[in-house]
Amino acid sequence: MNLLPVLERVEANSYLCCPPFILRIILEASQLAASDPSCTRPETARRALALVRDARSFNIPAWARSVQPHVSHPDLAAREHVASAHRSAVLLYILRAVPSVREYAPVSAGELLDDILRRLSEVGEGDPLFKATSWPTFIAGAETTDPQWRAWALRRLLEVWGCCPWGYVVTAVEMLRETWRGRDGGDGEEVEGRGWLREVWDMDFGCLIV
């Protein structure tokens, strides 16, 4: 089933506020990593790099403007920030899901983390799109080793839970804490090409977002 046309028809009113094009890349990156768990095939890195380029080429300001005639209330600036945070999060997701692509990628994990944090900081709890920020918040929280930003990510997820008490938000909080425990239990470095995302995949959590 081709879900992209379905998602495009409801994109203006989707609480996620993530362009369907970017959602598709998340799915493809996950499928790619699952098809080659060791990420040793050259074709895997080539396909991952193509996904990185696709995501970076997507025109988010144009997308946000195209949606405005169909939204209940004007939200151009916030929509751009939330969509951009999702894009940087999916780029970071690709770098972690397919480690072999990192040396070829035109952007670093650190740059992506900084962009997610900057974008999300522009969308506060009082914004109607605040509830759409849980996934990039989780990705940023899992990536950072800074105690202050970790506390910020945890607090933000709990605030999302406060306005939208959905079970997956609680699961995200639990996963985030487990991720930190795993990373802080060692030296913080990756082992045999594994990173925090692959460790999360090994956890016994039934969560769609990773």
Protein backbone atom coordinates (compact mmCIF):
# COMPACT_ATOMS: atom_id res chain seq x y z
CA MET A 1 0.00 0.00 0.00
CA ASN A 2 1.34 3.41 -0.97
CA LEU A 3 0.73 5.53 2.11
CA LEU A 4 2.33 8.73 0.82
CA PRO A 5 -0.78 10.02 -1.05
CA VAL A 6 -2.94 9.25 1.99
CA LEU A 7 -0.59 11.16 4.31
CA GLU A 8 -0.43 14.08 1.90
CA ARG A 9 -4.23 14.43 1.94
CA VAL A 10 -4.28 14.88 5.73
CA GLU A 11 -0.96 16.67 6.25
CA ALA A 12 -2.53 20.01 7.18
CA ASN A 13 -4.43 18.50 10.10
CA SER A 14 -1.96 15.84 11.20
CA TYR A 15 -0.91 16.44 14.81
CA LEU A 16 2.58 15.20 13.92
CA CYS A 17 3.32 18.22 11.70
CA CYS A 18 5.93 16.26 9.80
CA PRO A 19 5.94 16.42 5.99
CA PRO A 20 4.84 13.04 4.55
CA PHE A 21 7.99 13.09 2.40
CA ILE A 22 10.10 13.08 5.57
CA LEU A 23 7.93 10.39 7.18
CA ARG A 24 8.58 8.18 4.17
CA ILE A 25 12.33 8.65 4.60
CA ILE A 26 12.09 7.55 8.25
CA LEU A 27 10.38 4.35 7.12
CA GLU A 28 12.89 3.71 4.33
CA ALA A 29 15.85 4.29 6.65
CA SER A 30 14.43 1.83 9.17
CA GLN A 31 13.81 -0.77 6.47
CA LEU A 32 17.30 -0.26 5.06
CA ALA A 33 18.96 -0.80 8.43
CA ALA A 34 16.84 -3.89 9.06
CA SER A 35 17.80 -5.38 5.69
CA ASP A 36 21.51 -5.18 6.52
CA PRO A 37 21.95 -5.37 10.33
CA SER A 38 25.74 -5.25 10.11
CA CYS A 39 25.61 -2.33 7.63
CA THR A 40 28.61 -3.76 5.79
CA ARG A 41 27.23 -3.84 2.26
CA PRO A 42 28.41 -0.90 0.11
CA GLU A 43 24.93 -0.63 -1.36
CA THR A 44 23.53 0.09 2.12
CA ALA A 45 25.73 3.15 2.53
CA ARG A 46 24.89 4.33 -0.99
CA ARG A 47 21.16 4.07 -0.37
CA ALA A 48 21.49 5.76 3.02
CA LEU A 49 23.41 8.63 1.43
CA ALA A 50 20.64 8.99 -1.16
CA LEU A 51 18.12 9.29 1.68
CA VAL A 52 20.27 11.96 3.32
CA ARG A 53 20.35 13.93 0.09
CA ASP A 54 16.60 13.54 -0.42
CA ALA A 55 15.86 14.83 3.08
CA ARG A 56 18.25 17.79 2.76
CA SER A 57 16.79 18.80 -0.61
CA PHE A 58 13.21 18.93 0.65
CA ASN A 59 11.96 22.55 0.70
CA ILE A 60 10.39 22.93 4.13
CA PRO A 61 9.49 26.66 3.89
CA ALA A 62 7.64 25.98 0.64
CA TRP A 63 5.86 23.00 2.20
CA ALA A 64 4.82 25.04 5.25
CA ARG A 65 3.45 27.80 3.03
CA SER A 66 1.51 25.33 0.88
CA VAL A 67 -0.26 23.97 3.95
CA GLN A 68 -1.37 27.36 5.32
CA PRO A 69 -4.62 27.65 3.29
CA HIS A 70 -5.80 24.40 4.87
CA VAL A 71 -4.96 24.91 8.56
CA SER A 72 -7.38 26.12 11.22
CA HIS A 73 -5.04 28.84 12.47
CA PRO A 74 -1.96 30.38 10.80
CA ASP A 75 1.15 28.58 12.06
CA LEU A 76 3.80 29.20 9.41
CA ALA A 77 6.78 29.93 11.69
CA ALA A 78 6.07 27.14 14.17
CA ARG A 79 5.32 24.67 11.37
CA GLU A 80 8.67 25.43 9.75
CA HIS A 81 10.49 24.90 13.04
CA VAL A 82 8.73 21.62 13.84
CA ALA A 83 9.16 20.24 10.32
CA SER A 84 12.81 21.29 10.28
CA ALA A 85 13.37 19.59 13.63
CA HIS A 86 11.85 16.42 12.19
CA ARG A 87 14.13 16.63 9.15
CA SER A 88 17.26 17.04 11.25
CA ALA A 89 16.04 14.22 13.48
CA VAL A 90 15.58 11.86 10.54
CA LEU A 91 19.02 12.80 9.20
CA LEU A 92 20.50 11.99 12.60
CA TYR A 93 18.44 8.80 12.63
CA ILE A 94 20.00 7.76 9.30
CA LEU A 95 23.53 8.42 10.57
CA ARG A 96 22.84 6.25 13.61
CA ALA A 97 20.88 3.55 11.77
CA VAL A 98 23.52 3.16 9.06
CA PRO A 99 26.88 4.03 10.66
CA SER A 100 28.79 3.37 7.42
CA VAL A 101 27.26 6.47 5.82
CA ARG A 102 28.74 8.93 8.29
CA GLU A 103 32.05 9.49 6.55
CA TYR A 104 30.23 10.40 3.33
CA ALA A 105 27.38 12.45 4.77
CA PRO A 106 27.50 16.23 4.09
CA VAL A 107 26.39 16.98 7.65
CA SER A 108 27.57 15.81 11.08
CA ALA A 109 25.65 14.43 14.03
CA GLY A 110 26.70 17.43 16.11
CA GLU A 111 25.32 19.91 13.58
CA LEU A 112 22.04 18.03 13.39
CA LEU A 113 21.70 17.87 17.16
CA ASP A 114 22.28 21.62 17.45
CA ASP A 115 19.64 22.30 14.80
CA ILE A 116 17.03 20.09 16.50
CA LEU A 117 17.59 21.79 19.85
CA ARG A 118 17.47 25.25 18.29
CA ARG A 119 14.30 24.54 16.34
CA LEU A 120 12.46 22.95 19.24
CA SER A 121 13.41 25.81 21.54
CA GLU A 122 11.33 28.07 19.27
CA VAL A 123 8.15 26.04 19.87
CA GLY A 124 7.06 26.38 23.50
CA GLU A 125 4.43 24.54 25.52
CA GLY A 126 1.78 27.14 24.72
CA ASP A 127 2.08 26.60 20.98
CA PRO A 128 -0.61 24.38 19.38
CA LEU A 129 2.15 22.46 17.57
CA PHE A 130 4.06 21.71 20.78
CA LYS A 131 2.43 18.28 20.94
CA ALA A 132 4.04 17.45 17.58
CA THR A 133 7.59 17.63 18.96
CA SER A 134 7.93 14.35 20.86
CA TRP A 135 9.90 12.38 18.24
CA PRO A 136 12.63 14.95 17.54
CA THR A 137 12.80 15.62 21.29
CA PHE A 138 13.47 11.92 21.90
CA ILE A 139 16.10 11.75 19.16
CA ALA A 140 17.90 14.84 20.51
CA GLY A 141 17.67 13.60 24.08
CA ALA A 142 19.14 10.23 23.16
CA GLU A 143 21.95 11.79 21.14
CA THR A 144 23.13 14.42 23.62
CA THR A 145 25.52 13.73 26.49
CA ASP A 146 25.02 17.16 28.05
CA PRO A 147 23.20 16.79 31.40
CA GLN A 148 21.37 20.10 30.95
CA TRP A 149 20.03 19.18 27.52
CA ARG A 150 19.09 15.73 28.76
CA ALA A 151 17.08 17.30 31.56
CA TRP A 152 15.50 19.67 29.03
CA ALA A 153 14.48 16.79 26.75
CA LEU A 154 13.02 14.80 29.62
CA ARG A 155 11.09 17.80 30.92
CA ARG A 156 9.77 18.53 27.45
CA LEU A 157 8.51 14.98 26.95
CA LEU A 158 6.77 15.10 30.30
CA GLU A 159 5.17 18.41 29.27
CA VAL A 160 3.93 16.77 26.07
CA TRP A 161 2.50 14.00 28.24
CA GLY A 162 0.80 16.65 30.36
CA CYS A 163 -1.12 18.11 27.42
CA CYS A 164 -1.57 14.87 25.45
CA PRO A 165 -1.43 11.80 27.73
CA TRP A 166 -0.64 9.25 25.05
CA GLY A 167 1.04 6.02 26.06
CA TYR A 168 3.86 6.24 23.54
CA VAL A 169 5.13 9.41 25.25
CA VAL A 170 5.58 7.49 28.51
CA THR A 171 7.35 4.74 26.56
CA ALA A 172 9.63 7.36 25.00
CA VAL A 173 10.53 8.66 28.47
CA GLU A 174 11.36 5.14 29.67
CA MET A 175 13.42 4.44 26.56
CA LEU A 176 15.30 7.70 27.00
CA ARG A 177 16.22 6.87 30.58
CA GLU A 178 17.35 3.38 29.56
CA THR A 179 19.41 4.83 26.73
CA TRP A 180 21.20 7.15 29.13
CA ARG A 181 21.83 4.34 31.60
CA GLY A 182 23.35 2.26 28.82
CA ARG A 183 25.56 5.05 27.52
CA ASP A 184 26.66 6.26 30.95
CA GLY A 185 27.45 2.72 32.07
CA GLY A 186 30.35 2.55 29.64
CA ASP A 187 32.80 5.07 28.28
CA GLY A 188 30.25 6.76 26.05
CA GLU A 189 31.91 5.44 22.88
CA GLU A 190 30.35 3.15 20.31
CA VAL A 191 31.31 -0.52 20.45
CA GLU A 192 31.82 -2.49 17.22
CA GLY A 193 29.94 0.09 15.18
CA ARG A 194 26.93 0.09 17.45
CA GLY A 195 25.41 3.33 18.64
CA TRP A 196 22.57 4.32 20.97
CA LEU A 197 19.93 3.72 18.29
CA ARG A 198 20.90 0.10 17.75
CA GLU A 199 21.01 -0.41 21.49
CA VAL A 200 17.47 0.99 21.70
CA TRP A 201 16.35 -1.48 19.03
CA ASP A 202 17.56 -4.28 21.28
CA MET A 203 15.50 -3.07 24.23
CA ASP A 204 12.22 -4.79 25.01
CA PHE A 205 10.02 -1.79 24.17
CA GLY A 206 7.05 -1.89 21.85
CA CYS A 207 7.37 1.58 20.42
CA LEU A 208 6.68 2.66 16.85
CA ILE A 209 8.82 5.79 16.81
CA VAL A 210 12.21 4.04 16.60
